[in-house]
Amino acid sequence: MRNLIFLAIAVGAVGCAGPAPGSGGRATPLYNKDTGRLEQLVSDRNGDGKVDTRALMDGVRFKSIEIDRNGDGQPDRWEYYETSPENLSVLARAEEANGPTRAVTRKEFYDKGKISRVEEDTNFDGRLDKWEVYQDGGLARLELDLQGKGFPDRRIYYGKTGAIEKLEVDPDGDGKFDPAPLPDAGRKGGG
């Protein structure tokens, strides 16, 4: 959703010169001096005088966006776009640095602009411990490494309504998952 919000702000600012960073969140277009082609949109969303969103452009199409979500002056989310057959920018991949270091801890993969899977290091130890698989934009399967071994030991399958349909566990780590009883509470899906 935040991608669509930025897209709406950015597209609205393309036709005007726009204010300089620090003016309260409007995107400022930057054009190539020789060709006049749009190369960047920059924005200071919180008005602190520092650019916190920078979109690299190919004319009116996004190539990538860098976002500083925590206000430290460094990007911590990177979005990469591809051009659709309709000549539109669609999100292809995103990465986030959410831990105490600048290391990427979350990778999101998209198919034609819809999220298809996520890989994440939730405890910031340098190893993946959470995998999400999406179908038609909804969470279909969540895999977790609860033992810190670097591979899943729990799988949760979700139905189209978001309810848990099946739970599997691999307590001994041999790669063979066994059915487990479903929890009574909290059966609605999440990520």
N, C-alpha and C. Protein backbone atom coordinates (compact mmCIF):
# COMPACT_ATOMS: atom_id res chain seq x y z
N MET A 1 0.82 -1.20 0.00
CA MET A 1 0.00 0.00 0.00
C MET A 1 0.86 1.25 0.00
N ARG A 2 1.98 1.24 0.77
CA ARG A 2 2.83 2.42 0.81
C ARG A 2 3.39 2.74 -0.57
N ASN A 3 3.56 1.71 -1.43
CA ASN A 3 4.04 1.93 -2.79
C ASN A 3 3.03 2.74 -3.57
N LEU A 4 1.76 2.40 -3.43
CA LEU A 4 0.72 3.11 -4.16
C LEU A 4 0.58 4.55 -3.68
N ILE A 5 0.74 4.75 -2.38
CA ILE A 5 0.67 6.11 -1.84
C ILE A 5 1.80 6.95 -2.40
N PHE A 6 3.03 6.41 -2.39
CA PHE A 6 4.14 7.17 -2.93
C PHE A 6 3.93 7.42 -4.42
N LEU A 7 3.45 6.41 -5.13
CA LEU A 7 3.21 6.56 -6.56
C LEU A 7 2.23 7.69 -6.81
N ALA A 8 1.18 7.78 -6.04
CA ALA A 8 0.20 8.86 -6.21
C ALA A 8 0.83 10.22 -5.93
N ILE A 9 1.65 10.32 -4.91
CA ILE A 9 2.32 11.58 -4.60
C ILE A 9 3.29 11.94 -5.72
N ALA A 10 4.06 10.94 -6.15
CA ALA A 10 5.08 11.19 -7.16
C ALA A 10 4.46 11.57 -8.49
N VAL A 11 3.44 10.85 -8.93
CA VAL A 11 2.82 11.16 -10.21
C VAL A 11 2.17 12.53 -10.16
N GLY A 12 1.60 12.90 -9.05
CA GLY A 12 0.98 14.21 -8.93
C GLY A 12 1.98 15.34 -9.02
N ALA A 13 3.24 15.07 -8.68
CA ALA A 13 4.25 16.13 -8.68
C ALA A 13 5.02 16.21 -9.98
N VAL A 14 4.88 15.25 -10.87
CA VAL A 14 5.69 15.24 -12.09
C VAL A 14 5.44 16.46 -12.94
N GLY A 15 4.24 16.93 -13.01
CA GLY A 15 3.93 18.03 -13.90
C GLY A 15 4.32 19.40 -13.38
N CYS A 16 4.79 19.51 -12.15
CA CYS A 16 5.13 20.83 -11.61
C CYS A 16 6.56 20.82 -11.12
N ALA A 17 7.08 21.99 -10.88
CA ALA A 17 8.46 22.10 -10.41
C ALA A 17 8.61 21.54 -9.01
N GLY A 18 7.60 21.70 -8.18
CA GLY A 18 7.61 21.14 -6.84
C GLY A 18 8.52 21.88 -5.89
N PRO A 19 8.27 21.76 -4.61
CA PRO A 19 9.08 22.42 -3.59
C PRO A 19 10.37 21.65 -3.33
N ALA A 20 11.30 22.29 -2.72
CA ALA A 20 12.57 21.66 -2.35
C ALA A 20 12.36 20.74 -1.17
N PRO A 21 13.30 19.78 -0.95
CA PRO A 21 13.20 18.93 0.22
C PRO A 21 13.08 19.77 1.49
N GLY A 22 12.30 19.27 2.43
CA GLY A 22 12.08 19.98 3.67
C GLY A 22 10.78 20.75 3.68
N SER A 23 10.02 20.64 2.60
CA SER A 23 8.81 21.44 2.51
C SER A 23 7.54 20.65 2.81
N GLY A 24 7.67 19.50 3.44
CA GLY A 24 6.48 18.84 3.94
C GLY A 24 5.94 17.71 3.11
N GLY A 25 6.75 16.99 2.37
CA GLY A 25 6.31 15.75 1.80
C GLY A 25 6.01 15.71 0.32
N ARG A 26 5.97 16.81 -0.35
CA ARG A 26 5.71 16.77 -1.79
C ARG A 26 6.95 16.33 -2.54
N ALA A 27 6.76 15.57 -3.58
CA ALA A 27 7.88 15.07 -4.38
C ALA A 27 8.40 16.17 -5.29
N THR A 28 9.72 16.24 -5.41
CA THR A 28 10.38 17.21 -6.27
C THR A 28 11.00 16.47 -7.45
N PRO A 29 10.63 16.81 -8.67
CA PRO A 29 11.23 16.14 -9.82
C PRO A 29 12.60 16.72 -10.15
N LEU A 30 13.52 15.86 -10.57
CA LEU A 30 14.85 16.28 -11.02
C LEU A 30 15.02 15.78 -12.45
N TYR A 31 15.34 16.68 -13.36
CA TYR A 31 15.42 16.37 -14.78
C TYR A 31 16.87 16.37 -15.27
N ASN A 32 17.15 15.59 -16.30
CA ASN A 32 18.45 15.59 -16.95
C ASN A 32 18.65 16.94 -17.63
N LYS A 33 19.79 17.60 -17.37
CA LYS A 33 20.03 18.94 -17.92
C LYS A 33 20.13 18.94 -19.43
N ASP A 34 20.62 17.85 -20.01
CA ASP A 34 20.81 17.81 -21.47
C ASP A 34 19.55 17.39 -22.21
N THR A 35 18.84 16.37 -21.68
CA THR A 35 17.70 15.82 -22.41
C THR A 35 16.35 16.32 -21.90
N GLY A 36 16.32 16.84 -20.69
CA GLY A 36 15.05 17.26 -20.10
C GLY A 36 14.23 16.10 -19.57
N ARG A 37 14.77 14.89 -19.62
CA ARG A 37 14.06 13.69 -19.19
C ARG A 37 14.07 13.57 -17.67
N LEU A 38 12.94 13.17 -17.09
CA LEU A 38 12.84 12.98 -15.64
C LEU A 38 13.76 11.85 -15.21
N GLU A 39 14.63 12.13 -14.22
CA GLU A 39 15.58 11.14 -13.72
C GLU A 39 15.32 10.73 -12.27
N GLN A 40 14.79 11.66 -11.46
CA GLN A 40 14.55 11.36 -10.05
C GLN A 40 13.34 12.12 -9.54
N LEU A 41 12.72 11.54 -8.54
CA LEU A 41 11.74 12.23 -7.70
C LEU A 41 12.26 12.10 -6.28
N VAL A 42 12.41 13.21 -5.59
CA VAL A 42 12.88 13.18 -4.21
C VAL A 42 11.80 13.78 -3.31
N SER A 43 11.75 13.28 -2.09
CA SER A 43 10.71 13.75 -1.17
C SER A 43 11.24 13.74 0.26
N ASP A 44 10.82 14.72 1.02
CA ASP A 44 11.07 14.80 2.46
C ASP A 44 9.69 14.70 3.09
N ARG A 45 9.23 13.47 3.31
CA ARG A 45 7.86 13.23 3.78
C ARG A 45 7.57 13.80 5.15
N ASN A 46 8.58 13.84 6.03
CA ASN A 46 8.31 14.32 7.39
C ASN A 46 8.75 15.76 7.62
N GLY A 47 9.28 16.43 6.58
CA GLY A 47 9.62 17.84 6.67
C GLY A 47 10.81 18.17 7.54
N ASP A 48 11.72 17.21 7.75
CA ASP A 48 12.87 17.49 8.61
C ASP A 48 14.08 18.03 7.84
N GLY A 49 13.91 18.29 6.54
CA GLY A 49 15.00 18.85 5.75
C GLY A 49 15.89 17.82 5.10
N LYS A 50 15.63 16.51 5.33
CA LYS A 50 16.42 15.45 4.72
C LYS A 50 15.55 14.64 3.76
N VAL A 51 16.11 14.33 2.60
CA VAL A 51 15.40 13.48 1.64
C VAL A 51 15.24 12.10 2.27
N ASP A 52 13.99 11.60 2.33
CA ASP A 52 13.78 10.26 2.87
C ASP A 52 13.19 9.30 1.84
N THR A 53 12.86 9.79 0.66
CA THR A 53 12.41 8.94 -0.43
C THR A 53 13.01 9.46 -1.72
N ARG A 54 13.68 8.56 -2.43
CA ARG A 54 14.30 8.92 -3.71
C ARG A 54 13.88 7.87 -4.73
N ALA A 55 13.19 8.31 -5.77
CA ALA A 55 12.79 7.42 -6.86
C ALA A 55 13.68 7.69 -8.06
N LEU A 56 14.35 6.67 -8.54
CA LEU A 56 15.13 6.78 -9.76
C LEU A 56 14.20 6.46 -10.92
N MET A 57 14.17 7.35 -11.90
CA MET A 57 13.16 7.30 -12.95
C MET A 57 13.79 7.10 -14.33
N ASP A 58 12.99 6.55 -15.22
CA ASP A 58 13.29 6.50 -16.65
C ASP A 58 12.12 7.22 -17.31
N GLY A 59 12.19 8.53 -17.33
CA GLY A 59 11.04 9.31 -17.77
C GLY A 59 9.95 9.20 -16.74
N VAL A 60 8.79 8.68 -17.15
CA VAL A 60 7.67 8.55 -16.21
C VAL A 60 7.62 7.18 -15.55
N ARG A 61 8.56 6.29 -15.87
CA ARG A 61 8.58 4.94 -15.29
C ARG A 61 9.59 4.87 -14.14
N PHE A 62 9.18 4.19 -13.07
CA PHE A 62 10.07 3.95 -11.95
C PHE A 62 11.10 2.88 -12.32
N LYS A 63 12.35 3.10 -11.93
CA LYS A 63 13.37 2.06 -12.01
C LYS A 63 13.58 1.47 -10.62
N SER A 64 13.72 2.35 -9.62
CA SER A 64 13.88 1.90 -8.24
C SER A 64 13.51 3.04 -7.30
N ILE A 65 13.23 2.67 -6.06
CA ILE A 65 12.91 3.65 -5.02
C ILE A 65 13.71 3.28 -3.77
N GLU A 66 14.33 4.28 -3.15
CA GLU A 66 15.03 4.10 -1.88
C GLU A 66 14.28 4.89 -0.82
N ILE A 67 14.02 4.26 0.31
CA ILE A 67 13.23 4.89 1.36
C ILE A 67 13.99 4.81 2.68
N ASP A 68 14.09 5.94 3.36
CA ASP A 68 14.66 6.00 4.71
C ASP A 68 13.48 6.05 5.67
N ARG A 69 13.10 4.89 6.22
CA ARG A 69 11.91 4.81 7.08
C ARG A 69 12.17 5.27 8.50
N ASN A 70 13.43 5.21 8.96
CA ASN A 70 13.69 5.55 10.36
C ASN A 70 14.35 6.92 10.55
N GLY A 71 14.54 7.69 9.47
CA GLY A 71 15.03 9.05 9.58
C GLY A 71 16.50 9.20 9.93
N ASP A 72 17.32 8.15 9.68
CA ASP A 72 18.74 8.26 10.01
C ASP A 72 19.59 8.75 8.83
N GLY A 73 18.95 9.12 7.73
CA GLY A 73 19.67 9.63 6.58
C GLY A 73 20.15 8.57 5.60
N GLN A 74 19.88 7.29 5.90
CA GLN A 74 20.29 6.19 5.04
C GLN A 74 19.06 5.37 4.64
N PRO A 75 18.98 4.95 3.37
CA PRO A 75 17.84 4.12 2.98
C PRO A 75 17.85 2.79 3.73
N ASP A 76 16.67 2.30 4.08
CA ASP A 76 16.54 1.00 4.70
C ASP A 76 15.46 0.15 4.03
N ARG A 77 14.91 0.65 2.93
CA ARG A 77 14.03 -0.12 2.06
C ARG A 77 14.36 0.26 0.62
N TRP A 78 14.51 -0.77 -0.21
CA TRP A 78 14.82 -0.58 -1.61
C TRP A 78 13.80 -1.34 -2.43
N GLU A 79 13.20 -0.66 -3.40
CA GLU A 79 12.21 -1.28 -4.27
C GLU A 79 12.73 -1.23 -5.70
N TYR A 80 12.56 -2.33 -6.43
CA TYR A 80 13.05 -2.43 -7.80
C TYR A 80 11.87 -2.74 -8.72
N TYR A 81 11.77 -1.99 -9.80
CA TYR A 81 10.62 -2.06 -10.69
C TYR A 81 11.03 -2.59 -12.06
N GLU A 82 10.05 -3.18 -12.74
CA GLU A 82 10.23 -3.60 -14.12
C GLU A 82 9.10 -2.98 -14.94
N THR A 83 9.26 -3.01 -16.24
CA THR A 83 8.26 -2.42 -17.12
C THR A 83 7.32 -3.52 -17.61
N SER A 84 6.03 -3.30 -17.44
CA SER A 84 5.02 -4.27 -17.86
C SER A 84 4.82 -4.19 -19.37
N PRO A 85 4.13 -5.18 -19.96
CA PRO A 85 3.81 -5.10 -21.40
C PRO A 85 3.00 -3.85 -21.76
N GLU A 86 2.28 -3.30 -20.78
CA GLU A 86 1.51 -2.08 -21.00
C GLU A 86 2.36 -0.83 -20.83
N ASN A 87 3.69 -1.02 -20.65
CA ASN A 87 4.64 0.07 -20.49
C ASN A 87 4.46 0.83 -19.17
N LEU A 88 4.04 0.11 -18.13
CA LEU A 88 3.87 0.67 -16.79
C LEU A 88 4.94 0.11 -15.86
N SER A 89 5.27 0.83 -14.81
CA SER A 89 6.19 0.34 -13.80
C SER A 89 5.44 -0.57 -12.84
N VAL A 90 5.99 -1.78 -12.63
CA VAL A 90 5.41 -2.71 -11.66
C VAL A 90 6.52 -3.17 -10.71
N LEU A 91 6.18 -3.28 -9.46
CA LEU A 91 7.13 -3.69 -8.44
C LEU A 91 7.54 -5.14 -8.71
N ALA A 92 8.86 -5.39 -8.75
CA ALA A 92 9.39 -6.73 -9.00
C ALA A 92 10.02 -7.33 -7.74
N ARG A 93 10.68 -6.48 -6.94
CA ARG A 93 11.40 -6.97 -5.77
C ARG A 93 11.60 -5.83 -4.80
N ALA A 94 11.64 -6.15 -3.51
CA ALA A 94 11.93 -5.15 -2.48
C ALA A 94 12.81 -5.80 -1.41
N GLU A 95 13.66 -4.97 -0.80
CA GLU A 95 14.52 -5.43 0.28
C GLU A 95 14.43 -4.43 1.42
N GLU A 96 14.54 -4.94 2.65
CA GLU A 96 14.51 -4.08 3.83
C GLU A 96 15.64 -4.45 4.77
N ALA A 97 16.20 -3.45 5.43
CA ALA A 97 17.16 -3.63 6.52
C ALA A 97 16.43 -3.23 7.79
N ASN A 98 16.05 -4.21 8.59
CA ASN A 98 15.22 -3.94 9.77
C ASN A 98 15.95 -4.14 11.09
N GLY A 99 17.14 -4.69 11.08
CA GLY A 99 17.85 -4.98 12.31
C GLY A 99 18.78 -3.88 12.76
N PRO A 100 19.64 -4.20 13.71
CA PRO A 100 20.56 -3.20 14.26
C PRO A 100 21.69 -2.83 13.30
N THR A 101 21.92 -3.63 12.26
CA THR A 101 22.95 -3.32 11.27
C THR A 101 22.28 -2.92 9.96
N ARG A 102 23.07 -2.61 8.96
CA ARG A 102 22.53 -2.21 7.65
C ARG A 102 22.26 -3.43 6.78
N ALA A 103 22.38 -4.63 7.31
CA ALA A 103 22.19 -5.85 6.52
C ALA A 103 20.72 -6.00 6.13
N VAL A 104 20.49 -6.51 4.92
CA VAL A 104 19.14 -6.78 4.46
C VAL A 104 18.59 -7.96 5.25
N THR A 105 17.42 -7.78 5.85
CA THR A 105 16.80 -8.82 6.67
C THR A 105 15.51 -9.34 6.06
N ARG A 106 14.98 -8.66 5.04
CA ARG A 106 13.72 -9.07 4.44
C ARG A 106 13.79 -8.84 2.94
N LYS A 107 13.39 -9.86 2.18
CA LYS A 107 13.31 -9.76 0.73
C LYS A 107 11.91 -10.15 0.30
N GLU A 108 11.31 -9.29 -0.50
CA GLU A 108 9.98 -9.53 -1.04
C GLU A 108 10.10 -9.72 -2.55
N PHE A 109 9.39 -10.71 -3.08
CA PHE A 109 9.43 -10.99 -4.51
C PHE A 109 8.01 -10.85 -5.06
N TYR A 110 7.90 -10.22 -6.21
CA TYR A 110 6.61 -9.92 -6.81
C TYR A 110 6.52 -10.52 -8.21
N ASP A 111 5.32 -10.89 -8.60
CA ASP A 111 5.05 -11.39 -9.95
C ASP A 111 3.98 -10.49 -10.55
N LYS A 112 4.36 -9.73 -11.55
CA LYS A 112 3.45 -8.77 -12.19
C LYS A 112 2.87 -7.79 -11.17
N GLY A 113 3.70 -7.37 -10.22
CA GLY A 113 3.28 -6.38 -9.23
C GLY A 113 2.57 -6.95 -8.01
N LYS A 114 2.26 -8.26 -8.00
CA LYS A 114 1.61 -8.90 -6.85
C LYS A 114 2.66 -9.66 -6.05
N ILE A 115 2.58 -9.54 -4.74
CA ILE A 115 3.54 -10.25 -3.90
C ILE A 115 3.38 -11.75 -4.10
N SER A 116 4.53 -12.46 -4.25
CA SER A 116 4.48 -13.90 -4.45
C SER A 116 5.18 -14.65 -3.33
N ARG A 117 6.26 -14.07 -2.79
CA ARG A 117 6.93 -14.72 -1.66
C ARG A 117 7.79 -13.72 -0.90
N VAL A 118 8.11 -14.09 0.34
CA VAL A 118 8.94 -13.27 1.22
C VAL A 118 9.91 -14.20 1.94
N GLU A 119 11.15 -13.73 2.09
CA GLU A 119 12.16 -14.42 2.89
C GLU A 119 12.64 -13.42 3.94
N GLU A 120 12.74 -13.88 5.20
CA GLU A 120 13.06 -12.91 6.26
C GLU A 120 13.92 -13.53 7.35
N ASP A 121 14.82 -12.71 7.87
CA ASP A 121 15.62 -13.03 9.05
C ASP A 121 15.03 -12.18 10.18
N THR A 122 14.12 -12.74 10.95
CA THR A 122 13.40 -11.96 11.96
C THR A 122 14.19 -11.72 13.23
N ASN A 123 15.21 -12.54 13.51
CA ASN A 123 15.98 -12.35 14.74
C ASN A 123 17.37 -11.77 14.46
N PHE A 124 17.64 -11.39 13.21
CA PHE A 124 18.85 -10.67 12.81
C PHE A 124 20.14 -11.43 13.10
N ASP A 125 20.10 -12.77 12.95
CA ASP A 125 21.31 -13.56 13.16
C ASP A 125 22.02 -13.90 11.84
N GLY A 126 21.52 -13.35 10.74
CA GLY A 126 22.14 -13.59 9.44
C GLY A 126 21.60 -14.80 8.70
N ARG A 127 20.62 -15.51 9.29
CA ARG A 127 20.02 -16.67 8.63
C ARG A 127 18.51 -16.48 8.51
N LEU A 128 17.99 -16.92 7.39
CA LEU A 128 16.54 -16.86 7.20
C LEU A 128 15.85 -17.73 8.24
N ASP A 129 14.71 -17.24 8.76
CA ASP A 129 13.93 -18.04 9.70
C ASP A 129 12.43 -17.93 9.45
N LYS A 130 12.06 -17.22 8.36
CA LYS A 130 10.64 -17.08 8.04
C LYS A 130 10.51 -17.00 6.52
N TRP A 131 9.61 -17.81 5.98
CA TRP A 131 9.34 -17.83 4.56
C TRP A 131 7.83 -17.75 4.37
N GLU A 132 7.39 -16.87 3.48
CA GLU A 132 5.97 -16.71 3.19
C GLU A 132 5.76 -16.96 1.69
N VAL A 133 4.68 -17.68 1.37
CA VAL A 133 4.31 -17.93 -0.02
C VAL A 133 2.89 -17.40 -0.21
N TYR A 134 2.70 -16.61 -1.27
CA TYR A 134 1.41 -15.98 -1.54
C TYR A 134 0.81 -16.54 -2.83
N GLN A 135 -0.51 -16.61 -2.86
CA GLN A 135 -1.25 -16.95 -4.07
C GLN A 135 -2.36 -15.94 -4.23
N ASP A 136 -2.45 -15.34 -5.41
CA ASP A 136 -3.47 -14.33 -5.70
C ASP A 136 -3.46 -13.20 -4.68
N GLY A 137 -2.28 -12.84 -4.19
CA GLY A 137 -2.15 -11.73 -3.27
C GLY A 137 -2.42 -12.07 -1.81
N GLY A 138 -2.83 -13.30 -1.52
CA GLY A 138 -3.11 -13.71 -0.13
C GLY A 138 -2.09 -14.71 0.37
N LEU A 139 -1.81 -14.69 1.66
CA LEU A 139 -0.86 -15.62 2.26
C LEU A 139 -1.41 -17.03 2.15
N ALA A 140 -0.63 -17.93 1.52
CA ALA A 140 -1.04 -19.33 1.35
C ALA A 140 -0.28 -20.25 2.29
N ARG A 141 1.01 -19.95 2.52
CA ARG A 141 1.82 -20.81 3.39
C ARG A 141 2.86 -19.98 4.11
N LEU A 142 3.05 -20.28 5.37
CA LEU A 142 4.06 -19.65 6.20
C LEU A 142 4.94 -20.77 6.74
N GLU A 143 6.27 -20.62 6.55
CA GLU A 143 7.22 -21.60 7.08
C GLU A 143 8.11 -20.88 8.08
N LEU A 144 8.36 -21.52 9.20
CA LEU A 144 9.15 -20.92 10.27
C LEU A 144 10.27 -21.84 10.72
N ASP A 145 11.41 -21.26 11.06
CA ASP A 145 12.50 -21.97 11.71
C ASP A 145 12.49 -21.54 13.16
N LEU A 146 11.84 -22.31 14.00
CA LEU A 146 11.71 -21.96 15.42
C LEU A 146 12.89 -22.46 16.24
N GLN A 147 13.73 -23.33 15.65
CA GLN A 147 14.87 -23.90 16.38
C GLN A 147 16.20 -23.25 16.00
N GLY A 148 16.19 -22.30 15.06
CA GLY A 148 17.41 -21.60 14.68
C GLY A 148 18.40 -22.44 13.90
N LYS A 149 17.90 -23.40 13.12
CA LYS A 149 18.79 -24.28 12.35
C LYS A 149 19.00 -23.83 10.91
N GLY A 150 18.24 -22.81 10.46
CA GLY A 150 18.42 -22.32 9.10
C GLY A 150 17.49 -22.93 8.07
N PHE A 151 16.56 -23.77 8.51
CA PHE A 151 15.56 -24.34 7.61
C PHE A 151 14.26 -24.51 8.39
N PRO A 152 13.12 -24.56 7.69
CA PRO A 152 11.84 -24.58 8.39
C PRO A 152 11.62 -25.85 9.20
N ASP A 153 10.99 -25.69 10.36
CA ASP A 153 10.56 -26.83 11.15
C ASP A 153 9.05 -26.78 11.43
N ARG A 154 8.40 -25.76 10.86
CA ARG A 154 6.95 -25.61 11.02
C ARG A 154 6.38 -25.01 9.74
N ARG A 155 5.27 -25.55 9.27
CA ARG A 155 4.57 -25.02 8.10
C ARG A 155 3.11 -24.79 8.47
N ILE A 156 2.61 -23.65 8.08
CA ILE A 156 1.20 -23.32 8.31
C ILE A 156 0.59 -22.99 6.96
N TYR A 157 -0.50 -23.65 6.62
CA TYR A 157 -1.19 -23.44 5.36
C TYR A 157 -2.48 -22.66 5.63
N TYR A 158 -2.74 -21.65 4.79
CA TYR A 158 -3.91 -20.79 4.95
C TYR A 158 -4.85 -20.97 3.77
N GLY A 159 -6.15 -20.86 4.05
CA GLY A 159 -7.16 -20.88 3.00
C GLY A 159 -7.39 -19.50 2.44
N LYS A 160 -8.25 -19.41 1.48
CA LYS A 160 -8.53 -18.12 0.82
C LYS A 160 -9.10 -17.07 1.77
N THR A 161 -9.75 -17.50 2.86
CA THR A 161 -10.32 -16.56 3.83
C THR A 161 -9.30 -16.11 4.87
N GLY A 162 -8.10 -16.71 4.84
CA GLY A 162 -7.08 -16.37 5.83
C GLY A 162 -7.07 -17.30 7.03
N ALA A 163 -7.99 -18.26 7.07
CA ALA A 163 -8.04 -19.21 8.18
C ALA A 163 -6.96 -20.28 8.01
N ILE A 164 -6.39 -20.73 9.11
CA ILE A 164 -5.41 -21.81 9.06
C ILE A 164 -6.15 -23.10 8.67
N GLU A 165 -5.62 -23.76 7.65
CA GLU A 165 -6.23 -25.00 7.19
C GLU A 165 -5.43 -26.23 7.60
N LYS A 166 -4.12 -26.06 7.72
CA LYS A 166 -3.28 -27.21 8.02
C LYS A 166 -2.01 -26.73 8.70
N LEU A 167 -1.53 -27.53 9.64
CA LEU A 167 -0.29 -27.25 10.35
C LEU A 167 0.57 -28.50 10.28
N GLU A 168 1.86 -28.31 9.95
CA GLU A 168 2.81 -29.42 9.90
C GLU A 168 4.05 -29.04 10.68
N VAL A 169 4.69 -30.05 11.31
CA VAL A 169 5.90 -29.81 12.08
C VAL A 169 6.97 -30.82 11.70
N ASP A 170 8.21 -30.44 11.86
CA ASP A 170 9.38 -31.30 11.65
C ASP A 170 10.30 -31.11 12.84
N PRO A 171 9.95 -31.68 14.00
CA PRO A 171 10.71 -31.41 15.23
C PRO A 171 12.14 -31.93 15.21
N ASP A 172 12.41 -33.01 14.46
CA ASP A 172 13.76 -33.56 14.48
C ASP A 172 14.63 -33.05 13.33
N GLY A 173 14.08 -32.21 12.46
CA GLY A 173 14.87 -31.58 11.41
C GLY A 173 15.30 -32.49 10.28
N ASP A 174 14.57 -33.56 10.04
CA ASP A 174 14.96 -34.48 8.96
C ASP A 174 14.32 -34.13 7.62
N GLY A 175 13.56 -33.03 7.57
CA GLY A 175 12.92 -32.62 6.32
C GLY A 175 11.58 -33.28 6.08
N LYS A 176 11.16 -34.17 6.98
CA LYS A 176 9.86 -34.84 6.86
C LYS A 176 8.88 -34.16 7.82
N PHE A 177 7.87 -33.57 7.25
CA PHE A 177 6.87 -32.86 8.05
C PHE A 177 5.71 -33.78 8.39
N ASP A 178 5.25 -33.69 9.62
CA ASP A 178 4.12 -34.48 10.10
C ASP A 178 2.97 -33.54 10.43
N PRO A 179 1.73 -34.00 10.23
CA PRO A 179 0.58 -33.18 10.59
C PRO A 179 0.57 -32.91 12.09
N ALA A 180 0.10 -31.74 12.45
CA ALA A 180 -0.03 -31.36 13.86
C ALA A 180 -1.44 -30.82 14.07
N PRO A 181 -1.94 -30.91 15.30
CA PRO A 181 -3.28 -30.38 15.56
C PRO A 181 -3.32 -28.86 15.38
N LEU A 182 -4.42 -28.39 14.84
CA LEU A 182 -4.61 -26.95 14.66
C LEU A 182 -4.92 -26.29 15.99
N PRO A 183 -4.39 -25.08 16.20
CA PRO A 183 -4.76 -24.34 17.42
C PRO A 183 -6.22 -23.93 17.36
N ASP A 184 -6.86 -23.86 18.52
CA ASP A 184 -8.27 -23.46 18.58
C ASP A 184 -8.43 -21.96 18.39
N ALA A 185 -7.53 -21.18 18.98
CA ALA A 185 -7.64 -19.72 18.90
C ALA A 185 -6.67 -19.19 17.85
N GLY A 186 -6.98 -18.03 17.34
CA GLY A 186 -6.07 -17.35 16.41
C GLY A 186 -5.95 -18.02 15.08
N ARG A 187 -7.01 -18.57 14.55
CA ARG A 187 -6.92 -19.28 13.29
C ARG A 187 -6.91 -18.38 12.08
N LYS A 188 -7.12 -17.11 12.27
CA LYS A 188 -7.10 -16.16 11.15
C LYS A 188 -5.65 -15.93 10.77
N GLY A 189 -5.35 -15.87 9.47
CA GLY A 189 -3.98 -15.74 8.96
C GLY A 189 -3.39 -14.38 9.16
N GLY A 190 -2.09 -14.32 9.09
CA GLY A 190 -1.31 -13.10 9.18
C GLY A 190 0.07 -13.38 8.67
N GLY A 191 0.95 -12.41 8.74
CA GLY A 191 2.29 -12.64 8.22
C GLY A 191 3.26 -12.29 9.19
